[in-house]
């Protein structure tokens, strides 16, 4: 299993989960380390005075599928508590997974 976080302009490292399946606790750690650091970096003001930043923490939509660890109550509570908007993922829809195409 792999986990990655990316935007249209940035690709963060691909994280390989050697054990295959992960639980909600491990997934929460991945989100904390991967997603939140990416958002912090994207929201950091530019050094270029000509750059206009319009992104804020409400600009992002987190995309995850219906894997059980993604839908676990502690994970959903963690995301809600940290104001992470989640895309509604239709069941059995692998065509939406951009990581597979990447």
PDB file of N, CA and C in Angstrom:
ATOM      1  N   UNK A   1       0.838  -1.173   0.000  1.00  0.00           N
ATOM      2  CA  UNK A   1       0.000   0.000   0.000  1.00  0.00           C
ATOM      3  C   UNK A   1       0.886   1.240   0.000  1.00  0.00           C
ATOM      4  N   UNK A   2       0.455   2.253  -0.722  1.00  0.00           N
ATOM      5  CA  UNK A   2       1.179   3.517  -0.755  1.00  0.00           C
ATOM      6  C   UNK A   2       0.219   4.647  -0.419  1.00  0.00           C
ATOM      7  N   UNK A   3       0.787   5.742   0.061  1.00  0.00           N
ATOM      8  CA  UNK A   3       0.010   6.940   0.361  1.00  0.00           C
ATOM      9  C   UNK A   3       0.790   8.121  -0.186  1.00  0.00           C
ATOM     10  N   UNK A   4       0.073   9.046  -0.796  1.00  0.00           N
ATOM     11  CA  UNK A   4       0.728  10.232  -1.330  1.00  0.00           C
ATOM     12  C   UNK A   4      -0.202  11.420  -1.173  1.00  0.00           C
ATOM     13  N   UNK A   5       0.396  12.583  -1.192  1.00  0.00           N
ATOM     14  CA  UNK A   5      -0.353  13.823  -1.094  1.00  0.00           C
ATOM     15  C   UNK A   5       0.211  14.759  -2.158  1.00  0.00           C
ATOM     16  N   UNK A   6      -0.672  15.287  -3.003  1.00  0.00           N
ATOM     17  CA  UNK A   6      -0.190  16.165  -4.058  1.00  0.00           C
ATOM     18  C   UNK A   6      -1.266  17.162  -4.452  1.00  0.00           C
ATOM     19  N   UNK A   7      -0.823  18.206  -5.111  1.00  0.00           N
ATOM     20  CA  UNK A   7      -1.717  19.205  -5.682  1.00  0.00           C
ATOM     21  C   UNK A   7      -1.395  19.266  -7.172  1.00  0.00           C
ATOM     22  N   UNK A   8      -2.026  20.196  -7.871  1.00  0.00           N
ATOM     23  CA  UNK A   8      -1.743  20.351  -9.287  1.00  0.00           C
ATOM     24  C   UNK A   8      -0.331  20.801  -9.569  1.00  0.00           C
ATOM     25  N   UNK A   9       0.321  21.405  -8.590  1.00  0.00           N
ATOM     26  CA  UNK A   9       1.656  21.954  -8.800  1.00  0.00           C
ATOM     27  C   UNK A   9       2.737  21.312  -7.938  1.00  0.00           C
ATOM     28  N   UNK A  10       2.372  20.395  -7.083  1.00  0.00           N
ATOM     29  CA  UNK A  10       3.361  19.855  -6.151  1.00  0.00           C
ATOM     30  C   UNK A  10       3.078  18.387  -5.857  1.00  0.00           C
ATOM     31  N   UNK A  11       4.142  17.609  -5.810  1.00  0.00           N
ATOM     32  CA  UNK A  11       4.064  16.197  -5.472  1.00  0.00           C
ATOM     33  C   UNK A  11       4.930  15.964  -4.251  1.00  0.00           C
ATOM     34  N   UNK A  12       4.320  15.528  -3.159  1.00  0.00           N
ATOM     35  CA  UNK A  12       5.077  15.190  -1.959  1.00  0.00           C
ATOM     36  C   UNK A  12       5.551  13.741  -2.069  1.00  0.00           C
ATOM     37  N   UNK A  13       6.435  13.310  -1.179  1.00  0.00           N
ATOM     38  CA  UNK A  13       6.967  11.949  -1.277  1.00  0.00           C
ATOM     39  C   UNK A  13       5.874  10.887  -1.180  1.00  0.00           C
ATOM     40  N   UNK A  14       6.094   9.803  -1.881  1.00  0.00           N
ATOM     41  CA  UNK A  14       5.226   8.642  -1.829  1.00  0.00           C
ATOM     42  C   UNK A  14       5.618   7.839  -0.597  1.00  0.00           C
ATOM     43  N   UNK A  15       4.660   7.543   0.260  1.00  0.00           N
ATOM     44  CA  UNK A  15       4.942   6.801   1.491  1.00  0.00           C
ATOM     45  C   UNK A  15       4.497   5.355   1.286  1.00  0.00           C
ATOM     46  N   UNK A  16       5.426   4.436   1.425  1.00  0.00           N
ATOM     47  CA  UNK A  16       5.135   3.015   1.261  1.00  0.00           C
ATOM     48  C   UNK A  16       4.862   2.419   2.633  1.00  0.00           C
ATOM     49  N   UNK A  17       3.729   1.774   2.769  1.00  0.00           N
ATOM     50  CA  UNK A  17       3.355   1.092   4.019  1.00  0.00           C
ATOM     51  C   UNK A  17       3.730  -0.377   3.850  1.00  0.00           C
ATOM     52  N   UNK A  18       4.864  -0.741   4.390  1.00  0.00           N
ATOM     53  CA  UNK A  18       5.425  -2.074   4.174  1.00  0.00           C
ATOM     54  C   UNK A  18       4.529  -3.210   4.659  1.00  0.00           C
ATOM     55  N   UNK A  19       3.743  -2.956   5.696  1.00  0.00           N
ATOM     56  CA  UNK A  19       2.919  -4.022   6.272  1.00  0.00           C
ATOM     57  C   UNK A  19       1.642  -4.269   5.491  1.00  0.00           C
ATOM     58  N   UNK A  20       1.387  -3.518   4.440  1.00  0.00           N
ATOM     59  CA  UNK A  20       0.155  -3.688   3.677  1.00  0.00           C
ATOM     60  C   UNK A  20      -0.959  -2.872   4.286  1.00  0.00           C
ATOM     61  N   UNK A  21      -1.806  -3.521   5.043  1.00  0.00           N
ATOM     62  CA  UNK A  21      -2.926  -2.818   5.669  1.00  0.00           C
ATOM     63  C   UNK A  21      -2.441  -1.931   6.811  1.00  0.00           C
ATOM     64  N   UNK A  22      -3.138  -0.809   6.986  1.00  0.00           N
ATOM     65  CA  UNK A  22      -2.875   0.040   8.141  1.00  0.00           C
ATOM     66  C   UNK A  22      -4.197   0.306   8.838  1.00  0.00           C
ATOM     67  N   UNK A  23      -4.106   0.605  10.110  1.00  0.00           N
ATOM     68  CA  UNK A  23      -5.292   0.911  10.883  1.00  0.00           C
ATOM     69  C   UNK A  23      -5.529   2.407  10.952  1.00  0.00           C
ATOM     70  N   UNK A  24      -6.563   2.772  11.666  1.00  0.00           N
ATOM     71  CA  UNK A  24      -6.941   4.176  11.787  1.00  0.00           C
ATOM     72  C   UNK A  24      -5.843   5.002  12.448  1.00  0.00           C
ATOM     73  N   UNK A  25      -5.169   4.461  13.456  1.00  0.00           N
ATOM     74  CA  UNK A  25      -4.110   5.213  14.142  1.00  0.00           C
ATOM     75  C   UNK A  25      -2.945   5.528  13.209  1.00  0.00           C
ATOM     76  N   UNK A  26      -2.531   4.522  12.430  1.00  0.00           N
ATOM     77  CA  UNK A  26      -1.429   4.744  11.484  1.00  0.00           C
ATOM     78  C   UNK A  26      -1.848   5.721  10.381  1.00  0.00           C
ATOM     79  N   UNK A  27      -3.094   5.613   9.933  1.00  0.00           N
ATOM     80  CA  UNK A  27      -3.579   6.519   8.889  1.00  0.00           C
ATOM     81  C   UNK A  27      -3.638   7.961   9.403  1.00  0.00           C
ATOM     82  N   UNK A  28      -4.066   8.123  10.637  1.00  0.00           N
ATOM     83  CA  UNK A  28      -4.098   9.461  11.237  1.00  0.00           C
ATOM     84  C   UNK A  28      -2.684  10.063  11.290  1.00  0.00           C
ATOM     85  N   UNK A  29      -1.693   9.235  11.610  1.00  0.00           N
ATOM     86  CA  UNK A  29      -0.305   9.704  11.610  1.00  0.00           C
ATOM     87  C   UNK A  29       0.142  10.131  10.216  1.00  0.00           C
ATOM     88  N   UNK A  30      -0.243   9.349   9.187  1.00  0.00           N
ATOM     89  CA  UNK A  30       0.092   9.710   7.803  1.00  0.00           C
ATOM     90  C   UNK A  30      -0.509  11.058   7.428  1.00  0.00           C
ATOM     91  N   UNK A  31      -1.767  11.265   7.793  1.00  0.00           N
ATOM     92  CA  UNK A  31      -2.432  12.528   7.494  1.00  0.00           C
ATOM     93  C   UNK A  31      -1.723  13.682   8.199  1.00  0.00           C
ATOM     94  N   UNK A  32      -1.425  13.471   9.464  1.00  0.00           N
ATOM     95  CA  UNK A  32      -0.781  14.531  10.238  1.00  0.00           C
ATOM     96  C   UNK A  32       0.568  14.910   9.633  1.00  0.00           C
ATOM     97  N   UNK A  33       1.366  13.898   9.305  1.00  0.00           N
ATOM     98  CA  UNK A  33       2.711  14.162   8.769  1.00  0.00           C
ATOM     99  C   UNK A  33       2.684  14.622   7.314  1.00  0.00           C
ATOM    100  N   UNK A  34       1.829  14.021   6.496  1.00  0.00           N
ATOM    101  CA  UNK A  34       1.827  14.315   5.066  1.00  0.00           C
ATOM    102  C   UNK A  34       0.932  15.468   4.675  1.00  0.00           C
ATOM    103  N   UNK A  35      -0.332  15.363   4.963  1.00  0.00           N
ATOM    104  CA  UNK A  35      -1.299  16.376   4.528  1.00  0.00           C
ATOM    105  C   UNK A  35      -1.091  17.714   5.201  1.00  0.00           C
ATOM    106  N   UNK A  36      -0.945  17.714   6.511  1.00  0.00           N
ATOM    107  CA  UNK A  36      -0.838  18.992   7.224  1.00  0.00           C
ATOM    108  C   UNK A  36       0.452  19.727   6.884  1.00  0.00           C
ATOM    109  N   UNK A  37       1.542  18.998   6.678  1.00  0.00           N
ATOM    110  CA  UNK A  37       2.782  19.685   6.291  1.00  0.00           C
ATOM    111  C   UNK A  37       2.654  20.270   4.884  1.00  0.00           C
ATOM    112  N   UNK A  38       1.957  19.582   3.988  1.00  0.00           N
ATOM    113  CA  UNK A  38       1.730  20.107   2.644  1.00  0.00           C
ATOM    114  C   UNK A  38       0.886  21.376   2.693  1.00  0.00           C
ATOM    115  N   UNK A  39      -0.190  21.353   3.455  1.00  0.00           N
ATOM    116  CA  UNK A  39      -1.049  22.534   3.565  1.00  0.00           C
ATOM    117  C   UNK A  39      -0.286  23.699   4.181  1.00  0.00           C
ATOM    118  N   UNK A  40       0.488  23.436   5.230  1.00  0.00           N
ATOM    119  CA  UNK A  40       1.293  24.501   5.845  1.00  0.00           C
ATOM    120  C   UNK A  40       2.252  25.120   4.834  1.00  0.00           C
ATOM    121  N   UNK A  41       2.901  24.267   4.038  1.00  0.00           N
ATOM    122  CA  UNK A  41       3.831  24.777   3.031  1.00  0.00           C
ATOM    123  C   UNK A  41       3.111  25.600   1.965  1.00  0.00           C
ATOM    124  N   UNK A  42       1.951  25.141   1.535  1.00  0.00           N
ATOM    125  CA  UNK A  42       1.209  25.851   0.493  1.00  0.00           C
ATOM    126  C   UNK A  42       0.671  27.195   0.985  1.00  0.00           C
ATOM    127  N   UNK A  43       0.376  27.286   2.272  1.00  0.00           N
ATOM    128  CA  UNK A  43      -0.168  28.524   2.822  1.00  0.00           C
ATOM    129  C   UNK A  43       0.911  29.504   3.256  1.00  0.00           C
ATOM    130  N   UNK A  44       2.175  29.069   3.233  1.00  0.00           N
ATOM    131  CA  UNK A  44       3.260  29.970   3.619  1.00  0.00           C
ATOM    132  C   UNK A  44       3.359  31.117   2.617  1.00  0.00           C
ATOM    133  N   UNK A  45       3.391  32.347   3.101  1.00  0.00           N
ATOM    134  CA  UNK A  45       3.459  33.490   2.183  1.00  0.00           C
ATOM    135  C   UNK A  45       4.717  33.454   1.318  1.00  0.00           C
ATOM    136  N   UNK A  46       4.554  33.896   0.105  1.00  0.00           N
ATOM    137  CA  UNK A  46       5.672  33.950  -0.833  1.00  0.00           C
ATOM    138  C   UNK A  46       6.611  35.099  -0.480  1.00  0.00           C
ATOM    139  N   UNK A  47       7.891  34.908  -0.787  1.00  0.00           N
ATOM    140  CA  UNK A  47       8.870  35.981  -0.600  1.00  0.00           C
ATOM    141  C   UNK A  47       8.776  37.026  -1.709  1.00  0.00           C
ATOM    142  N   UNK A  48       8.129  36.659  -2.800  1.00  0.00           N
ATOM    143  CA  UNK A  48       7.996  37.560  -3.941  1.00  0.00           C
ATOM    144  C   UNK A  48       6.868  38.558  -3.671  1.00  0.00           C
ATOM    145  N   UNK A  49       7.185  39.847  -3.589  1.00  0.00           N
ATOM    146  CA  UNK A  49       6.140  40.847  -3.304  1.00  0.00           C
ATOM    147  C   UNK A  49       5.102  40.971  -4.415  1.00  0.00           C
ATOM    148  N   UNK A  50       5.393  40.451  -5.594  1.00  0.00           N
ATOM    149  CA  UNK A  50       4.462  40.504  -6.724  1.00  0.00           C
ATOM    150  C   UNK A  50       3.441  39.364  -6.678  1.00  0.00           C
ATOM    151  N   UNK A  51       3.670  38.378  -5.819  1.00  0.00           N
ATOM    152  CA  UNK A  51       2.781  37.219  -5.737  1.00  0.00           C
ATOM    153  C   UNK A  51       1.594  37.528  -4.837  1.00  0.00           C
ATOM    154  N   UNK A  52       0.417  37.259  -5.346  1.00  0.00           N
ATOM    155  CA  UNK A  52      -0.812  37.437  -4.575  1.00  0.00           C
ATOM    156  C   UNK A  52      -1.280  36.056  -4.127  1.00  0.00           C
ATOM    157  N   UNK A  53      -1.391  35.854  -2.839  1.00  0.00           N
ATOM    158  CA  UNK A  53      -1.844  34.575  -2.294  1.00  0.00           C
ATOM    159  C   UNK A  53      -3.337  34.653  -2.000  1.00  0.00           C
ATOM    160  N   UNK A  54      -4.090  33.737  -2.598  1.00  0.00           N
ATOM    161  CA  UNK A  54      -5.524  33.732  -2.345  1.00  0.00           C
ATOM    162  C   UNK A  54      -5.976  32.467  -1.622  1.00  0.00           C
ATOM    163  N   UNK A  55      -5.065  31.527  -1.436  1.00  0.00           N
ATOM    164  CA  UNK A  55      -5.411  30.275  -0.761  1.00  0.00           C
ATOM    165  C   UNK A  55      -5.456  30.482   0.741  1.00  0.00           C
ATOM    166  N   UNK A  56      -6.388  29.777   1.365  1.00  0.00           N
ATOM    167  CA  UNK A  56      -6.436  29.693   2.821  1.00  0.00           C
ATOM    168  C   UNK A  56      -6.817  28.266   3.178  1.00  0.00           C
ATOM    169  N   UNK A  57      -6.949  27.984   4.454  1.00  0.00           N
ATOM    170  CA  UNK A  57      -7.231  26.610   4.862  1.00  0.00           C
ATOM    171  C   UNK A  57      -8.573  26.098   4.346  1.00  0.00           C
ATOM    172  N   UNK A  58      -9.464  26.979   3.900  1.00  0.00           N
ATOM    173  CA  UNK A  58     -10.763  26.564   3.364  1.00  0.00           C
ATOM    174  C   UNK A  58     -10.710  26.279   1.867  1.00  0.00           C
ATOM    175  N   UNK A  59      -9.560  26.482   1.237  1.00  0.00           N
ATOM    176  CA  UNK A  59      -9.402  26.304  -0.198  1.00  0.00           C
ATOM    177  C   UNK A  59      -9.277  24.832  -0.582  1.00  0.00           C
ATOM    178  N   UNK A  60      -8.830  23.998   0.324  1.00  0.00           N
ATOM    179  CA  UNK A  60      -8.465  22.631   0.001  1.00  0.00           C
ATOM    180  C   UNK A  60      -9.616  21.661   0.215  1.00  0.00           C
ATOM    181  N   UNK A  61      -9.653  20.623  -0.634  1.00  0.00           N
ATOM    182  CA  UNK A  61     -10.618  19.543  -0.515  1.00  0.00           C
ATOM    183  C   UNK A  61      -9.814  18.247  -0.503  1.00  0.00           C
ATOM    184  N   UNK A  62      -9.891  17.519   0.591  1.00  0.00           N
ATOM    185  CA  UNK A  62      -9.120  16.291   0.758  1.00  0.00           C
ATOM    186  C   UNK A  62      -9.861  15.144   0.090  1.00  0.00           C
ATOM    187  N   UNK A  63      -9.124  14.389  -0.705  1.00  0.00           N
ATOM    188  CA  UNK A  63      -9.703  13.288  -1.463  1.00  0.00           C
ATOM    189  C   UNK A  63      -9.183  11.981  -0.892  1.00  0.00           C
ATOM    190  N   UNK A  64     -10.085  11.143  -0.429  1.00  0.00           N
ATOM    191  CA  UNK A  64      -9.715   9.804   0.031  1.00  0.00           C
ATOM    192  C   UNK A  64     -10.847   8.869  -0.346  1.00  0.00           C
ATOM    193  N   UNK A  65     -10.520   7.603  -0.564  1.00  0.00           N
ATOM    194  CA  UNK A  65     -11.571   6.679  -0.977  1.00  0.00           C
ATOM    195  C   UNK A  65     -12.245   6.041   0.240  1.00  0.00           C
ATOM    196  N   UNK A  66     -12.939   4.951   0.026  1.00  0.00           N
ATOM    197  CA  UNK A  66     -13.750   4.347   1.084  1.00  0.00           C
ATOM    198  C   UNK A  66     -13.062   3.184   1.796  1.00  0.00           C
ATOM    199  N   UNK A  67     -11.737   3.188   1.827  1.00  0.00           N
ATOM    200  CA  UNK A  67     -11.006   2.165   2.577  1.00  0.00           C
ATOM    201  C   UNK A  67     -11.430   2.269   4.046  1.00  0.00           C
ATOM    202  N   UNK A  68     -11.584   1.146   4.736  1.00  0.00           N
ATOM    203  CA  UNK A  68     -12.064   1.196   6.124  1.00  0.00           C
ATOM    204  C   UNK A  68     -11.295   2.142   7.047  1.00  0.00           C
ATOM    205  N   UNK A  69      -9.976   2.210   6.937  1.00  0.00           N
ATOM    206  CA  UNK A  69      -9.238   3.102   7.844  1.00  0.00           C
ATOM    207  C   UNK A  69      -9.538   4.571   7.526  1.00  0.00           C
ATOM    208  N   UNK A  70      -9.926   4.896   6.298  1.00  0.00           N
ATOM    209  CA  UNK A  70     -10.292   6.276   5.946  1.00  0.00           C
ATOM    210  C   UNK A  70     -11.624   6.671   6.557  1.00  0.00           C
ATOM    211  N   UNK A  71     -12.498   5.697   6.717  1.00  0.00           N
ATOM    212  CA  UNK A  71     -13.849   5.968   7.204  1.00  0.00           C
ATOM    213  C   UNK A  71     -14.028   5.696   8.690  1.00  0.00           C
ATOM    214  N   UNK A  72     -12.955   5.338   9.370  1.00  0.00           N
ATOM    215  CA  UNK A  72     -13.035   5.042  10.809  1.00  0.00           C
ATOM    216  C   UNK A  72     -13.441   6.301  11.568  1.00  0.00           C
ATOM    217  N   UNK A  73     -14.287   6.146  12.555  1.00  0.00           N
ATOM    218  CA  UNK A  73     -14.776   7.285  13.333  1.00  0.00           C
ATOM    219  C   UNK A  73     -13.655   8.165  13.895  1.00  0.00           C
ATOM    220  N   UNK A  74     -12.594   7.575  14.488  1.00  0.00           N
ATOM    221  CA  UNK A  74     -11.523   8.454  15.013  1.00  0.00           C
ATOM    222  C   UNK A  74     -10.866   9.299  13.918  1.00  0.00           C
ATOM    223  N   UNK A  75     -10.706   8.744  12.722  1.00  0.00           N
ATOM    224  CA  UNK A  75     -10.095   9.496  11.618  1.00  0.00           C
ATOM    225  C   UNK A  75     -11.019  10.616  11.170  1.00  0.00           C
ATOM    226  N   UNK A  76     -12.310  10.313  11.000  1.00  0.00           N
ATOM    227  CA  UNK A  76     -13.264  11.340  10.578  1.00  0.00           C
ATOM    228  C   UNK A  76     -13.382  12.447  11.619  1.00  0.00           C
ATOM    229  N   UNK A  77     -13.345  12.074  12.897  1.00  0.00           N
ATOM    230  CA  UNK A  77     -13.371  13.080  13.968  1.00  0.00           C
ATOM    231  C   UNK A  77     -12.112  13.942  13.940  1.00  0.00           C
ATOM    232  N   UNK A  78     -10.962  13.314  13.705  1.00  0.00           N
ATOM    233  CA  UNK A  78      -9.689  14.023  13.619  1.00  0.00           C
ATOM    234  C   UNK A  78      -9.723  15.044  12.472  1.00  0.00           C
ATOM    235  N   UNK A  79     -10.206  14.625  11.311  1.00  0.00           N
ATOM    236  CA  UNK A  79     -10.293  15.530  10.160  1.00  0.00           C
ATOM    237  C   UNK A  79     -11.279  16.662  10.434  1.00  0.00           C
ATOM    238  N   UNK A  80     -12.412  16.323  11.020  1.00  0.00           N
ATOM    239  CA  UNK A  80     -13.412  17.352  11.336  1.00  0.00           C
ATOM    240  C   UNK A  80     -12.860  18.366  12.340  1.00  0.00           C
ATOM    241  N   UNK A  81     -12.204  17.870  13.367  1.00  0.00           N
ATOM    242  CA  UNK A  81     -11.624  18.736  14.399  1.00  0.00           C
ATOM    243  C   UNK A  81     -10.591  19.693  13.807  1.00  0.00           C
ATOM    244  N   UNK A  82      -9.886  19.243  12.760  1.00  0.00           N
ATOM    245  CA  UNK A  82      -8.851  20.055  12.127  1.00  0.00           C
ATOM    246  C   UNK A  82      -9.360  20.775  10.876  1.00  0.00           C
ATOM    247  N   UNK A  83     -10.675  20.806  10.692  1.00  0.00           N
ATOM    248  CA  UNK A  83     -11.332  21.562   9.617  1.00  0.00           C
ATOM    249  C   UNK A  83     -10.859  21.148   8.225  1.00  0.00           C
ATOM    250  N   UNK A  84     -10.716  19.839   8.016  1.00  0.00           N
ATOM    251  CA  UNK A  84     -10.326  19.320   6.709  1.00  0.00           C
ATOM    252  C   UNK A  84     -11.596  18.895   5.976  1.00  0.00           C
ATOM    253  N   UNK A  85     -11.876  19.560   4.862  1.00  0.00           N
ATOM    254  CA  UNK A  85     -13.030  19.205   4.033  1.00  0.00           C
ATOM    255  C   UNK A  85     -12.701  17.953   3.233  1.00  0.00           C
ATOM    256  N   UNK A  86     -13.634  17.012   3.206  1.00  0.00           N
ATOM    257  CA  UNK A  86     -13.414  15.737   2.531  1.00  0.00           C
ATOM    258  C   UNK A  86     -14.374  15.620   1.350  1.00  0.00           C
ATOM    259  N   UNK A  87     -13.838  15.218   0.207  1.00  0.00           N
ATOM    260  CA  UNK A  87     -14.668  14.974  -0.968  1.00  0.00           C
ATOM    261  C   UNK A  87     -15.524  13.739  -0.733  1.00  0.00           C
ATOM    262  N   UNK A  88     -16.788  13.811  -1.101  1.00  0.00           N
ATOM    263  CA  UNK A  88     -17.652  12.623  -1.006  1.00  0.00           C
ATOM    264  C   UNK A  88     -17.245  11.671  -2.125  1.00  0.00           C
ATOM    265  N   UNK A  89     -16.878  10.466  -1.730  1.00  0.00           N
ATOM    266  CA  UNK A  89     -16.354   9.484  -2.677  1.00  0.00           C
ATOM    267  C   UNK A  89     -17.424   8.448  -2.984  1.00  0.00           C
ATOM    268  N   UNK A  90     -17.807   8.301  -4.250  1.00  0.00           N
ATOM    269  CA  UNK A  90     -18.823   7.292  -4.583  1.00  0.00           C
ATOM    270  C   UNK A  90     -18.278   5.881  -4.374  1.00  0.00           C
ATOM    271  N   UNK A  91     -19.124   4.965  -3.927  1.00  0.00           N
ATOM    272  CA  UNK A  91     -18.657   3.595  -3.702  1.00  0.00           C
ATOM    273  C   UNK A  91     -18.213   2.936  -5.009  1.00  0.00           C
ATOM    274  N   UNK A  92     -17.210   2.097  -4.919  1.00  0.00           N
ATOM    275  CA  UNK A  92     -16.699   1.308  -6.031  1.00  0.00           C
ATOM    276  C   UNK A  92     -16.391   2.171  -7.253  1.00  0.00           C
ATOM    277  N   UNK A  93     -15.610   3.205  -7.057  1.00  0.00           N
ATOM    278  CA  UNK A  93     -15.288   4.106  -8.153  1.00  0.00           C
ATOM    279  C   UNK A  93     -13.775   4.313  -8.255  1.00  0.00           C
ATOM    280  N   UNK A  94     -13.036   3.302  -8.702  1.00  0.00           N
ATOM    281  CA  UNK A  94     -11.582   3.450  -8.772  1.00  0.00           C
ATOM    282  C   UNK A  94     -11.131   4.469  -9.828  1.00  0.00           C
ATOM    283  N   UNK A  95     -11.981   4.818 -10.781  1.00  0.00           N
ATOM    284  CA  UNK A  95     -11.598   5.766 -11.821  1.00  0.00           C
ATOM    285  C   UNK A  95     -11.330   7.159 -11.294  1.00  0.00           C
ATOM    286  N   UNK A  96     -11.799   7.470 -10.078  1.00  0.00           N
ATOM    287  CA  UNK A  96     -11.572   8.784  -9.504  1.00  0.00           C
ATOM    288  C   UNK A  96     -10.230   8.910  -8.807  1.00  0.00           C
ATOM    289  N   UNK A  97      -9.529   7.826  -8.625  1.00  0.00           N
ATOM    290  CA  UNK A  97      -8.288   7.841  -7.861  1.00  0.00           C
ATOM    291  C   UNK A  97      -7.150   8.410  -8.709  1.00  0.00           C
ATOM    292  N   UNK A  98      -6.763   9.670  -8.491  1.00  0.00           N
ATOM    293  CA  UNK A  98      -5.697  10.263  -9.297  1.00  0.00           C
ATOM    294  C   UNK A  98      -4.322   9.651  -9.031  1.00  0.00           C
ATOM    295  N   UNK A  99      -4.134   9.060  -7.870  1.00  0.00           N
ATOM    296  CA  UNK A  99      -2.848   8.463  -7.542  1.00  0.00           C
ATOM    297  C   UNK A  99      -2.563   7.277  -8.467  1.00  0.00           C
ATOM    298  N   UNK A 100      -3.588   6.508  -8.822  1.00  0.00           N
ATOM    299  CA  UNK A 100      -3.392   5.396  -9.732  1.00  0.00           C
ATOM    300  C   UNK A 100      -2.913   5.887 -11.089  1.00  0.00           C
ATOM    301  N   UNK A 101      -3.422   7.007 -11.544  1.00  0.00           N
ATOM    302  CA  UNK A 101      -2.996   7.562 -12.826  1.00  0.00           C
ATOM    303  C   UNK A 101      -1.632   8.227 -12.742  1.00  0.00           C
ATOM    304  N   UNK A 102      -1.318   8.769 -11.574  1.00  0.00           N
ATOM    305  CA  UNK A 102      -0.038   9.441 -11.389  1.00  0.00           C
ATOM    306  C   UNK A 102       1.084   8.430 -11.417  1.00  0.00           C
TER     307      UNK A 102
END
